PDB file of N, CA and C in Angstrom:
ATOM      1  N   MET A   1     117.641   0.466  65.057  1.00  0.00           N
ATOM      2  CA  MET A   1     118.941   0.035  64.623  1.00  0.00           C
ATOM      3  C   MET A   1     118.907  -1.441  64.253  1.00  0.00           C
ATOM      4  N   ASP A   2     118.253  -2.265  65.066  1.00  0.00           N
ATOM      5  CA  ASP A   2     118.158  -3.693  64.750  1.00  0.00           C
ATOM      6  C   ASP A   2     117.440  -3.907  63.431  1.00  0.00           C
ATOM      7  N   ALA A   3     116.427  -3.093  63.156  1.00  0.00           N
ATOM      8  CA  ALA A   3     115.691  -3.231  61.900  1.00  0.00           C
ATOM      9  C   ALA A   3     116.611  -3.002  60.705  1.00  0.00           C
ATOM     10  N   ALA A   4     117.466  -2.000  60.778  1.00  0.00           N
ATOM     11  CA  ALA A   4     118.411  -1.727  59.695  1.00  0.00           C
ATOM     12  C   ALA A   4     119.363  -2.894  59.506  1.00  0.00           C
ATOM     13  N   ILE A   5     119.890  -3.414  60.585  1.00  0.00           N
ATOM     14  CA  ILE A   5     120.814  -4.548  60.509  1.00  0.00           C
ATOM     15  C   ILE A   5     120.097  -5.776  59.963  1.00  0.00           C
ATOM     16  N   ASN A   6     118.840  -5.980  60.348  1.00  0.00           N
ATOM     17  CA  ASN A   6     118.071  -7.116  59.847  1.00  0.00           C
ATOM     18  C   ASN A   6     117.808  -7.008  58.350  1.00  0.00           C
ATOM     19  N   ILE A   7     117.506  -5.814  57.872  1.00  0.00           N
ATOM     20  CA  ILE A   7     117.292  -5.620  56.434  1.00  0.00           C
ATOM     21  C   ILE A   7     118.571  -5.945  55.671  1.00  0.00           C
ATOM     22  N   LEU A   8     119.695  -5.437  56.156  1.00  0.00           N
ATOM     23  CA  LEU A   8     120.973  -5.727  55.495  1.00  0.00           C
ATOM     24  C   LEU A   8     121.247  -7.228  55.486  1.00  0.00           C
ATOM     25  N   ALA A   9     121.011  -7.885  56.616  1.00  0.00           N
ATOM     26  CA  ALA A   9     121.273  -9.324  56.710  1.00  0.00           C
ATOM     27  C   ALA A   9     120.369 -10.103  55.764  1.00  0.00           C
ATOM     28  N   GLU A  10     119.098  -9.724  55.697  1.00  0.00           N
ATOM     29  CA  GLU A  10     118.171 -10.422  54.804  1.00  0.00           C
ATOM     30  C   GLU A  10     118.603 -10.277  53.346  1.00  0.00           C
ATOM     31  N   CYS A  11     119.254  -9.187  53.034  1.00  0.00           N
ATOM     32  CA  CYS A  11     119.712  -8.929  51.666  1.00  0.00           C
ATOM     33  C   CYS A  11     121.163  -9.363  51.452  1.00  0.00           C
ATOM     34  N   ASP A  12     121.704 -10.132  52.395  1.00  0.00           N
ATOM     35  CA  ASP A  12     123.079 -10.655  52.316  1.00  0.00           C
ATOM     36  C   ASP A  12     124.141  -9.572  52.214  1.00  0.00           C
ATOM     37  N   VAL A  13     123.891  -8.425  52.855  1.00  0.00           N
ATOM     38  CA  VAL A  13     124.889  -7.363  52.930  1.00  0.00           C
ATOM     39  C   VAL A  13     125.643  -7.560  54.239  1.00  0.00           C
ATOM     40  N   GLU A  14     126.903  -7.913  54.152  1.00  0.00           N
ATOM     41  CA  GLU A  14     127.683  -8.224  55.348  1.00  0.00           C
ATOM     42  C   GLU A  14     128.607  -7.102  55.781  1.00  0.00           C
ATOM     43  N   THR A  15     129.019  -6.248  54.844  1.00  0.00           N
ATOM     44  CA  THR A  15     129.952  -5.175  55.174  1.00  0.00           C
ATOM     45  C   THR A  15     129.506  -3.866  54.537  1.00  0.00           C
ATOM     46  N   LEU A  16     129.855  -2.770  55.185  1.00  0.00           N
ATOM     47  CA  LEU A  16     129.642  -1.434  54.649  1.00  0.00           C
ATOM     48  C   LEU A  16     130.938  -0.651  54.801  1.00  0.00           C
ATOM     49  N   ILE A  17     131.070   0.392  54.017  1.00  0.00           N
ATOM     50  CA  ILE A  17     132.283   1.211  54.004  1.00  0.00           C
ATOM     51  C   ILE A  17     131.969   2.573  54.617  1.00  0.00           C
ATOM     52  N   VAL A  18     132.859   3.072  55.462  1.00  0.00           N
ATOM     53  CA  VAL A  18     132.720   4.393  56.083  1.00  0.00           C
ATOM     54  C   VAL A  18     133.076   5.445  55.039  1.00  0.00           C
ATOM     55  N   ARG A  19     132.134   6.367  54.804  1.00  0.00           N
ATOM     56  CA  ARG A  19     132.359   7.443  53.839  1.00  0.00           C
ATOM     57  C   ARG A  19     131.891   8.766  54.433  1.00  0.00           C
ATOM     58  N   GLY A  20     132.629   9.834  54.146  1.00  0.00           N
ATOM     59  CA  GLY A  20     132.245  11.167  54.602  1.00  0.00           C
ATOM     60  C   GLY A  20     132.353  11.348  56.102  1.00  0.00           C
ATOM     61  N   LEU A  21     133.320  10.700  56.729  1.00  0.00           N
ATOM     62  CA  LEU A  21     133.466  10.731  58.189  1.00  0.00           C
ATOM     63  C   LEU A  21     133.724  12.151  58.683  1.00  0.00           C
ATOM     64  N   GLU A  22     132.904  12.573  59.644  1.00  0.00           N
ATOM     65  CA  GLU A  22     133.035  13.888  60.282  1.00  0.00           C
ATOM     66  C   GLU A  22     132.984  13.701  61.789  1.00  0.00           C
ATOM     67  N   SER A  23     133.897  14.349  62.485  1.00  0.00           N
ATOM     68  CA  SER A  23     133.912  14.204  63.940  1.00  0.00           C
ATOM     69  C   SER A  23     132.973  15.177  64.626  1.00  0.00           C
ATOM     70  N   GLY A  24     132.587  16.234  63.960  1.00  0.00           N
ATOM     71  CA  GLY A  24     131.689  17.214  64.567  1.00  0.00           C
ATOM     72  C   GLY A  24     132.299  17.900  65.774  1.00  0.00           C
ATOM     73  N   GLY A  25     133.632  17.951  65.826  1.00  0.00           N
ATOM     74  CA  GLY A  25     134.312  18.586  66.943  1.00  0.00           C
ATOM     75  C   GLY A  25     134.473  17.688  68.147  1.00  0.00           C
ATOM     76  N   VAL A  26     133.898  16.502  68.099  1.00  0.00           N
ATOM     77  CA  VAL A  26     134.013  15.557  69.207  1.00  0.00           C
ATOM     78  C   VAL A  26     135.212  14.663  68.943  1.00  0.00           C
ATOM     79  N   ARG A  27     135.973  14.417  69.978  1.00  0.00           N
ATOM     80  CA  ARG A  27     137.141  13.556  69.843  1.00  0.00           C
ATOM     81  C   ARG A  27     136.712  12.144  69.479  1.00  0.00           C
ATOM     82  N   LYS A  28     137.417  11.516  68.559  1.00  0.00           N
ATOM     83  CA  LYS A  28     137.072  10.169  68.130  1.00  0.00           C
ATOM     84  C   LYS A  28     137.196   9.200  69.297  1.00  0.00           C
ATOM     85  N   PRO A  29     136.172   8.358  69.502  1.00  0.00           N
ATOM     86  CA  PRO A  29     136.241   7.389  70.590  1.00  0.00           C
ATOM     87  C   PRO A  29     137.447   6.472  70.431  1.00  0.00           C
ATOM     88  N   VAL A  30     138.134   6.186  71.515  1.00  0.00           N
ATOM     89  CA  VAL A  30     139.346   5.380  71.442  1.00  0.00           C
ATOM     90  C   VAL A  30     139.054   3.899  71.331  1.00  0.00           C
ATOM     91  N   ASP A  31     137.856   3.474  71.706  1.00  0.00           N
ATOM     92  CA  ASP A  31     137.560   2.050  71.692  1.00  0.00           C
ATOM     93  C   ASP A  31     136.916   1.584  70.394  1.00  0.00           C
ATOM     94  N   ILE A  32     136.856   2.444  69.403  1.00  0.00           N
ATOM     95  CA  ILE A  32     136.314   2.072  68.103  1.00  0.00           C
ATOM     96  C   ILE A  32     137.222   2.668  67.027  1.00  0.00           C
ATOM     97  N   GLU A  33     137.744   1.837  66.159  1.00  0.00           N
ATOM     98  CA  GLU A  33     138.660   2.298  65.117  1.00  0.00           C
ATOM     99  C   GLU A  33     137.887   2.583  63.846  1.00  0.00           C
ATOM    100  N   LEU A  34     137.614   3.841  63.603  1.00  0.00           N
ATOM    101  CA  LEU A  34     136.947   4.249  62.381  1.00  0.00           C
ATOM    102  C   LEU A  34     137.842   5.202  61.628  1.00  0.00           C
ATOM    103  N   ARG A  35     137.869   5.007  60.330  1.00  0.00           N
ATOM    104  CA  ARG A  35     138.590   5.924  59.459  1.00  0.00           C
ATOM    105  C   ARG A  35     137.881   5.942  58.116  1.00  0.00           C
ATOM    106  N   GLU A  36     138.069   6.974  57.371  1.00  0.00           N
ATOM    107  CA  GLU A  36     137.491   7.084  56.046  1.00  0.00           C
ATOM    108  C   GLU A  36     137.908   5.877  55.208  1.00  0.00           C
ATOM    109  N   GLY A  37     136.942   5.228  54.581  1.00  0.00           N
ATOM    110  CA  GLY A  37     137.227   4.083  53.723  1.00  0.00           C
ATOM    111  C   GLY A  37     137.304   2.751  54.439  1.00  0.00           C
ATOM    112  N   ALA A  38     137.169   2.734  55.766  1.00  0.00           N
ATOM    113  CA  ALA A  38     137.241   1.479  56.513  1.00  0.00           C
ATOM    114  C   ALA A  38     136.023   0.613  56.183  1.00  0.00           C
ATOM    115  N   THR A  39     136.242  -0.683  56.089  1.00  0.00           N
ATOM    116  CA  THR A  39     135.165  -1.645  55.890  1.00  0.00           C
ATOM    117  C   THR A  39     134.770  -2.185  57.251  1.00  0.00           C
ATOM    118  N   ILE A  40     133.473  -2.106  57.570  1.00  0.00           N
ATOM    119  CA  ILE A  40     133.006  -2.554  58.884  1.00  0.00           C
ATOM    120  C   ILE A  40     131.894  -3.585  58.729  1.00  0.00           C
ATOM    121  N   SER A  41     131.783  -4.450  59.725  1.00  0.00           N
ATOM    122  CA  SER A  41     130.751  -5.486  59.724  1.00  0.00           C
ATOM    123  C   SER A  41     130.505  -5.942  61.155  1.00  0.00           C
ATOM    124  N   GLY A  42     129.523  -6.810  61.322  1.00  0.00           N
ATOM    125  CA  GLY A  42     129.261  -7.458  62.602  1.00  0.00           C
ATOM    126  C   GLY A  42     129.065  -6.498  63.753  1.00  0.00           C
ATOM    127  N   ASP A  43     129.747  -6.795  64.865  1.00  0.00           N
ATOM    128  CA  ASP A  43     129.608  -5.984  66.082  1.00  0.00           C
ATOM    129  C   ASP A  43     130.067  -4.547  65.871  1.00  0.00           C
ATOM    130  N   LEU A  44     131.081  -4.341  65.027  1.00  0.00           N
ATOM    131  CA  LEU A  44     131.552  -2.982  64.771  1.00  0.00           C
ATOM    132  C   LEU A  44     130.501  -2.182  64.015  1.00  0.00           C
ATOM    133  N   LEU A  45     129.770  -2.808  63.124  1.00  0.00           N
ATOM    134  CA  LEU A  45     128.675  -2.133  62.424  1.00  0.00           C
ATOM    135  C   LEU A  45     127.592  -1.723  63.417  1.00  0.00           C
ATOM    136  N   ARG A  46     127.229  -2.626  64.292  1.00  0.00           N
ATOM    137  CA  ARG A  46     126.220  -2.337  65.318  1.00  0.00           C
ATOM    138  C   ARG A  46     126.682  -1.176  66.209  1.00  0.00           C
ATOM    139  N   GLU A  47     127.916  -1.231  66.675  1.00  0.00           N
ATOM    140  CA  GLU A  47     128.435  -0.166  67.543  1.00  0.00           C
ATOM    141  C   GLU A  47     128.515   1.168  66.805  1.00  0.00           C
ATOM    142  N   THR A  48     128.909   1.125  65.546  1.00  0.00           N
ATOM    143  CA  THR A  48     128.981   2.352  64.752  1.00  0.00           C
ATOM    144  C   THR A  48     127.600   2.985  64.619  1.00  0.00           C
ATOM    145  N   LEU A  49     126.582   2.177  64.337  1.00  0.00           N
ATOM    146  CA  LEU A  49     125.219   2.701  64.247  1.00  0.00           C
ATOM    147  C   LEU A  49     124.759   3.300  65.576  1.00  0.00           C
ATOM    148  N   GLN A  50     125.070   2.646  66.678  1.00  0.00           N
ATOM    149  CA  GLN A  50     124.710   3.186  67.993  1.00  0.00           C
ATOM    150  C   GLN A  50     125.340   4.553  68.196  1.00  0.00           C
ATOM    151  N   ARG A  51     126.595   4.675  67.859  1.00  0.00           N
ATOM    152  CA  ARG A  51     127.306   5.942  68.078  1.00  0.00           C
ATOM    153  C   ARG A  51     126.859   7.028  67.109  1.00  0.00           C
ATOM    154  N   LEU A  52     126.477   6.635  65.894  1.00  0.00           N
ATOM    155  CA  LEU A  52     125.903   7.610  64.966  1.00  0.00           C
ATOM    156  C   LEU A  52     124.589   8.150  65.512  1.00  0.00           C
ATOM    157  N   LEU A  53     123.763   7.278  66.063  1.00  0.00           N
ATOM    158  CA  LEU A  53     122.496   7.709  66.647  1.00  0.00           C
ATOM    159  C   LEU A  53     122.704   8.591  67.874  1.00  0.00           C
ATOM    160  N   ARG A  54     123.800   8.405  68.571  1.00  0.00           N
ATOM    161  CA  ARG A  54     124.132   9.253  69.728  1.00  0.00           C
ATOM    162  C   ARG A  54     124.806  10.550  69.297  1.00  0.00           C
ATOM    163  N   GLU A  55     125.016  10.708  67.995  1.00  0.00           N
ATOM    164  CA  GLU A  55     125.632  11.898  67.410  1.00  0.00           C
ATOM    165  C   GLU A  55     127.055  12.119  67.892  1.00  0.00           C
ATOM    166  N   GLU A  56     127.795  11.041  68.141  1.00  0.00           N
ATOM    167  CA  GLU A  56     129.198  11.162  68.533  1.00  0.00           C
ATOM    168  C   GLU A  56     130.061  11.547  67.336  1.00  0.00           C
ATOM    169  N   PHE A  57     129.619  11.198  66.151  1.00  0.00           N
ATOM    170  CA  PHE A  57     130.261  11.559  64.888  1.00  0.00           C
ATOM    171  C   PHE A  57     129.231  11.308  63.806  1.00  0.00           C
ATOM    172  N   TRP A  58     129.594  11.584  62.561  1.00  0.00           N
ATOM    173  CA  TRP A  58     128.681  11.338  61.453  1.00  0.00           C
ATOM    174  C   TRP A  58     129.448  10.754  60.292  1.00  0.00           C
ATOM    175  N   CYS A  59     128.808   9.847  59.592  1.00  0.00           N
ATOM    176  CA  CYS A  59     129.339   9.314  58.341  1.00  0.00           C
ATOM    177  C   CYS A  59     128.212   8.612  57.600  1.00  0.00           C
ATOM    178  N   ARG A  60     128.475   8.304  56.358  1.00  0.00           N
ATOM    179  CA  ARG A  60     127.581   7.457  55.588  1.00  0.00           C
ATOM    180  C   ARG A  60     128.174   6.053  55.605  1.00  0.00           C
ATOM    181  N   LEU A  61     127.340   5.043  55.725  1.00  0.00           N
ATOM    182  CA  LEU A  61     127.774   3.653  55.642  1.00  0.00           C
ATOM    183  C   LEU A  61     127.209   3.095  54.349  1.00  0.00           C
ATOM    184  N   GLU A  62     128.092   2.735  53.415  1.00  0.00           N
ATOM    185  CA  GLU A  62     127.669   2.344  52.079  1.00  0.00           C
ATOM    186  C   GLU A  62     128.536   1.201  51.569  1.00  0.00           C
ATOM    187  N   ASP A  63     128.056   0.546  50.515  1.00  0.00           N
ATOM    188  CA  ASP A  63     128.926  -0.382  49.801  1.00  0.00           C
ATOM    189  C   ASP A  63     128.925   0.012  48.324  1.00  0.00           C
ATOM    190  N   ASP A  64     129.646  -0.725  47.524  1.00  0.00           N
ATOM    191  CA  ASP A  64     129.765  -0.388  46.112  1.00  0.00           C
ATOM    192  C   ASP A  64     128.661  -1.015  45.266  1.00  0.00           C
ATOM    193  N   HIS A  65     127.669  -1.637  45.908  1.00  0.00           N
ATOM    194  CA  HIS A  65     126.599  -2.317  45.187  1.00  0.00           C
ATOM    195  C   HIS A  65     125.236  -1.679  45.442  1.00  0.00           C
ATOM    196  N   GLY A  66     125.213  -0.504  46.056  1.00  0.00           N
ATOM    197  CA  GLY A  66     123.961   0.213  46.266  1.00  0.00           C
ATOM    198  C   GLY A  66     123.353   0.095  47.644  1.00  0.00           C
ATOM    199  N   SER A  67     123.973  -0.646  48.540  1.00  0.00           N
ATOM    200  CA  SER A  67     123.446  -0.762  49.904  1.00  0.00           C
ATOM    201  C   SER A  67     124.009   0.350  50.772  1.00  0.00           C
ATOM    202  N   TYR A  68     123.201   0.800  51.721  1.00  0.00           N
ATOM    203  CA  TYR A  68     123.667   1.852  52.629  1.00  0.00           C
ATOM    204  C   TYR A  68     122.787   1.950  53.856  1.00  0.00           C
ATOM    205  N   VAL A  69     123.349   2.573  54.880  1.00  0.00           N
ATOM    206  CA  VAL A  69     122.600   3.031  56.041  1.00  0.00           C
ATOM    207  C   VAL A  69     123.095   4.444  56.323  1.00  0.00           C
ATOM    208  N   HIS A  70     122.165   5.383  56.325  1.00  0.00           N
ATOM    209  CA  HIS A  70     122.467   6.774  56.650  1.00  0.00           C
ATOM    210  C   HIS A  70     121.649   7.158  57.871  1.00  0.00           C
ATOM    211  N   VAL A  71     122.253   7.872  58.788  1.00  0.00           N
ATOM    212  CA  VAL A  71     121.545   8.371  59.963  1.00  0.00           C
ATOM    213  C   VAL A  71     121.308   9.858  59.759  1.00  0.00           C
ATOM    214  N   GLY A  72     120.048  10.252  59.850  1.00  0.00           N
ATOM    215  CA  GLY A  72     119.690  11.640  59.618  1.00  0.00           C
ATOM    216  C   GLY A  72     119.218  12.332  60.881  1.00  0.00           C
ATOM    217  N   TRP A  73     118.699  13.520  60.663  1.00  0.00           N
ATOM    218  CA  TRP A  73     118.183  14.358  61.737  1.00  0.00           C
ATOM    219  C   TRP A  73     117.015  13.661  62.426  1.00  0.00           C
ATOM    220  N   ASP A  74     116.856  13.855  63.717  1.00  0.00           N
ATOM    221  CA  ASP A  74     115.759  13.285  64.507  1.00  0.00           C
ATOM    222  C   ASP A  74     115.713  11.761  64.459  1.00  0.00           C
ATOM    223  N   TYR A  75     116.874  11.145  64.395  1.00  0.00           N
ATOM    224  CA  TYR A  75     117.011   9.682  64.471  1.00  0.00           C
ATOM    225  C   TYR A  75     116.403   8.935  63.282  1.00  0.00           C
ATOM    226  N   TYR A  76     116.263   9.605  62.155  1.00  0.00           N
ATOM    227  CA  TYR A  76     115.823   8.895  60.964  1.00  0.00           C
ATOM    228  C   TYR A  76     116.940   7.985  60.482  1.00  0.00           C
ATOM    229  N   LEU A  77     116.577   6.759  60.128  1.00  0.00           N
ATOM    230  CA  LEU A  77     117.512   5.834  59.504  1.00  0.00           C
ATOM    231  C   LEU A  77     117.059   5.623  58.072  1.00  0.00           C
ATOM    232  N   TYR A  78     117.956   5.832  57.144  1.00  0.00           N
ATOM    233  CA  TYR A  78     117.691   5.590  55.736  1.00  0.00           C
ATOM    234  C   TYR A  78     118.456   4.329  55.362  1.00  0.00           C
ATOM    235  N   VAL A  79     117.727   3.289  54.966  1.00  0.00           N
ATOM    236  CA  VAL A  79     118.336   2.008  54.656  1.00  0.00           C
ATOM    237  C   VAL A  79     118.050   1.698  53.198  1.00  0.00           C
ATOM    238  N   GLY A  80     119.086   1.441  52.441  1.00  0.00           N
ATOM    239  CA  GLY A  80     118.911   1.092  51.039  1.00  0.00           C
ATOM    240  C   GLY A  80     119.667  -0.183  50.725  1.00  0.00           C
ATOM    241  N   SER A  81     119.070  -0.997  49.869  1.00  0.00           N
ATOM    242  CA  SER A  81     119.738  -2.209  49.408  1.00  0.00           C
ATOM    243  C   SER A  81     119.118  -2.623  48.082  1.00  0.00           C
ATOM    244  N   PRO A  82     119.853  -3.408  47.291  1.00  0.00           N
ATOM    245  CA  PRO A  82     119.307  -3.854  46.015  1.00  0.00           C
ATOM    246  C   PRO A  82     118.094  -4.771  46.166  1.00  0.00           C
ATOM    247  N   CYS A  83     117.933  -5.422  47.311  1.00  0.00           N
ATOM    248  CA  CYS A  83     116.747  -6.266  47.515  1.00  0.00           C
ATOM    249  C   CYS A  83     115.790  -5.547  48.468  1.00  0.00           C
ATOM    250  N   ALA A  84     114.553  -6.004  48.495  1.00  0.00           N
ATOM    251  CA  ALA A  84     113.521  -5.311  49.269  1.00  0.00           C
ATOM    252  C   ALA A  84     113.538  -5.637  50.760  1.00  0.00           C
ATOM    253  N   GLY A  85     114.021  -6.812  51.155  1.00  0.00           N
ATOM    254  CA  GLY A  85     114.008  -7.202  52.567  1.00  0.00           C
ATOM    255  C   GLY A  85     112.621  -7.265  53.156  1.00  0.00           C
ATOM    256  N   PRO A  86     111.660  -7.926  52.485  1.00  0.00           N
ATOM    257  CA  PRO A  86     110.263  -7.860  52.920  1.00  0.00           C
ATOM    258  C   PRO A  86     110.007  -8.409  54.321  1.00  0.00           C
ATOM    259  N   VAL A  87     110.685  -9.459  54.707  1.00  0.00           N
ATOM    260  CA  VAL A  87     110.459 -10.029  56.041  1.00  0.00           C
ATOM    261  C   VAL A  87     110.924  -9.044  57.112  1.00  0.00           C
ATOM    262  N   SER A  88     112.099  -8.460  56.913  1.00  0.00           N
ATOM    263  CA  SER A  88     112.632  -7.498  57.885  1.00  0.00           C
ATOM    264  C   SER A  88     111.785  -6.236  57.953  1.00  0.00           C
ATOM    265  N   VAL A  89     111.288  -5.792  56.819  1.00  0.00           N
ATOM    266  CA  VAL A  89     110.429  -4.600  56.802  1.00  0.00           C
ATOM    267  C   VAL A  89     109.132  -4.883  57.563  1.00  0.00           C
ATOM    268  N   GLU A  90     108.534  -6.034  57.343  1.00  0.00           N
ATOM    269  CA  GLU A  90     107.309  -6.384  58.081  1.00  0.00           C
ATOM    270  C   GLU A  90     107.577  -6.519  59.577  1.00  0.00           C
ATOM    271  N   ASN A  91     108.712  -7.097  59.944  1.00  0.00           N
ATOM    272  CA  ASN A  91     109.079  -7.185  61.366  1.00  0.00           C
ATOM    273  C   ASN A  91     109.255  -5.798  61.971  1.00  0.00           C
ATOM    274  N   ALA A  92     109.857  -4.892  61.236  1.00  0.00           N
ATOM    275  CA  ALA A  92     110.030  -3.517  61.726  1.00  0.00           C
ATOM    276  C   ALA A  92     108.671  -2.868  61.961  1.00  0.00           C
ATOM    277  N   ARG A  93     107.766  -3.043  61.016  1.00  0.00           N
ATOM    278  CA  ARG A  93     106.410  -2.477  61.171  1.00  0.00           C
ATOM    279  C   ARG A  93     105.702  -3.107  62.360  1.00  0.00           C
ATOM    280  N   ALA A  94     105.841  -4.425  62.517  1.00  0.00           N
ATOM    281  CA  ALA A  94     105.201  -5.121  63.640  1.00  0.00           C
ATOM    282  C   ALA A  94     105.737  -4.633  64.980  1.00  0.00           C
ATOM    283  N   ASN A  95     106.960  -4.106  64.993  1.00  0.00           N
ATOM    284  CA  ASN A  95     107.558  -3.566  66.210  1.00  0.00           C
ATOM    285  C   ASN A  95     107.288  -2.075  66.380  1.00  0.00           C
ATOM    286  N   GLY A  96     106.376  -1.539  65.576  1.00  0.00           N
ATOM    287  CA  GLY A  96     105.955  -0.156  65.754  1.00  0.00           C
ATOM    288  C   GLY A  96     106.781   0.880  65.017  1.00  0.00           C
ATOM    289  N   LEU A  97     107.669   0.460  64.129  1.00  0.00           N
ATOM    290  CA  LEU A  97     108.470   1.414  63.367  1.00  0.00           C
ATOM    291  C   LEU A  97     107.734   1.813  62.099  1.00  0.00           C
ATOM    292  N   PHE A  98     107.941   3.050  61.689  1.00  0.00           N
ATOM    293  CA  PHE A  98     107.324   3.585  60.487  1.00  0.00           C
ATOM    294  C   PHE A  98     108.292   3.363  59.336  1.00  0.00           C
ATOM    295  N   VAL A  99     107.888   2.586  58.344  1.00  0.00           N
ATOM    296  CA  VAL A  99     108.741   2.260  57.202  1.00  0.00           C
ATOM    297  C   VAL A  99     108.036   2.713  55.935  1.00  0.00           C
ATOM    298  N   GLU A 100     108.744   3.463  55.109  1.00  0.00           N
ATOM    299  CA  GLU A 100     108.177   3.888  53.836  1.00  0.00           C
ATOM    300  C   GLU A 100     109.289   4.019  52.808  1.00  0.00           C
ATOM    301  N   PRO A 101     108.962   3.833  51.530  1.00  0.00           N
ATOM    302  CA  PRO A 101     109.952   4.082  50.476  1.00  0.00           C
ATOM    303  C   PRO A 101     110.306   5.568  50.484  1.00  0.00           C
ATOM    304  N   PHE A 102     111.578   5.866  50.441  1.00  0.00           N
ATOM    305  CA  PHE A 102     112.006   7.260  50.562  1.00  0.00           C
ATOM    306  C   PHE A 102     113.413   7.378  49.998  1.00  0.00           C
ATOM    307  N   VAL A 103     113.714   8.468  49.351  1.00  0.00           N
ATOM    308  CA  VAL A 103     115.048   8.715  48.842  1.00  0.00           C
ATOM    309  C   VAL A 103     115.878   9.328  49.963  1.00  0.00           C
ATOM    310  N   SER A 104     117.003   8.711  50.296  1.00  0.00           N
ATOM    311  CA  SER A 104     117.870   9.264  51.331  1.00  0.00           C
ATOM    312  C   SER A 104     118.439  10.598  50.873  1.00  0.00           C
ATOM    313  N   PRO A 105     118.348  11.626  51.696  1.00  0.00           N
ATOM    314  CA  PRO A 105     118.915  12.916  51.315  1.00  0.00           C
ATOM    315  C   PRO A 105     120.442  12.899  51.307  1.00  0.00           C
ATOM    316  N   TYR A 106     121.046  11.829  51.803  1.00  0.00           N
ATOM    317  CA  TYR A 106     122.500  11.723  51.876  1.00  0.00           C
ATOM    318  C   TYR A 106     123.083  10.862  50.755  1.00  0.00           C
ATOM    319  N   LYS A 107     122.231  10.299  49.924  1.00  0.00           N
ATOM    320  CA  LYS A 107     122.656   9.402  48.852  1.00  0.00           C
ATOM    321  C   LYS A 107     122.637  10.129  47.539  1.00  0.00           C
ATOM    322  N   GLU A 108     123.701  10.001  46.761  1.00  0.00           N
ATOM    323  CA  GLU A 108     123.724  10.594  45.433  1.00  0.00           C
ATOM    324  C   GLU A 108     122.809   9.791  44.524  1.00  0.00           C
ATOM    325  N   GLY A 109     122.182  10.435  43.575  1.00  0.00           N
ATOM    326  CA  GLY A 109     121.285   9.761  42.648  1.00  0.00           C
ATOM    327  C   GLY A 109     119.891   9.654  43.208  1.00  0.00           C
ATOM    328  N   ASN A 110     119.074   8.864  42.555  1.00  0.00           N
ATOM    329  CA  ASN A 110     117.664   8.771  42.940  1.00  0.00           C
ATOM    330  C   ASN A 110     117.270   7.372  43.379  1.00  0.00           C
ATOM    331  N   GLN A 111     118.169   6.597  43.962  1.00  0.00           N
ATOM    332  CA  GLN A 111     117.811   5.239  44.402  1.00  0.00           C
ATOM    333  C   GLN A 111     116.763   5.317  45.502  1.00  0.00           C
ATOM    334  N   ARG A 112     115.788   4.436  45.434  1.00  0.00           N
ATOM    335  CA  ARG A 112     114.756   4.377  46.475  1.00  0.00           C
ATOM    336  C   ARG A 112     115.301   3.645  47.686  1.00  0.00           C
ATOM    337  N   SER A 113     114.844   4.023  48.842  1.00  0.00           N
ATOM    338  CA  SER A 113     115.294   3.376  50.074  1.00  0.00           C
ATOM    339  C   SER A 113     114.123   3.254  51.016  1.00  0.00           C
ATOM    340  N   GLY A 114     114.324   2.499  52.081  1.00  0.00           N
ATOM    341  CA  GLY A 114     113.312   2.420  53.124  1.00  0.00           C
ATOM    342  C   GLY A 114     113.726   3.279  54.293  1.00  0.00           C
ATOM    343  N   ARG A 115     112.854   4.140  54.737  1.00  0.00           N
ATOM    344  CA  ARG A 115     113.172   4.973  55.901  1.00  0.00           C
ATOM    345  C   ARG A 115     112.567   4.293  57.107  1.00  0.00           C
ATOM    346  N   ILE A 116     113.374   4.082  58.123  1.00  0.00           N
ATOM    347  CA  ILE A 116     112.912   3.435  59.343  1.00  0.00           C
ATOM    348  C   ILE A 116     113.038   4.427  60.483  1.00  0.00           C
TER     349      ILE A 116
END
């Protein structure tokens, strides 16, 4: 999760938009205000990613400029941004994460992304 946030920060992506929000039958947590179309950043972005990884709900986190973070099956994180984020990608690899160019199955179109 930190690697995804670091890539976004290196690429000057400060906010993402909640899209395709699904509760999965689980009641929405009361201590986090999420709704379709909400713009999130900072600590709320971090908390949202944590809860997505815990499968409390599902959504795509995207912006209108091609950046996104999608959480997939088996804790795959798909991170896309217009810039490469080379320092953050190398830090992720140095911390034992597997990073490769990959098309997110949750993203429309054929934009390349880094899977962490």
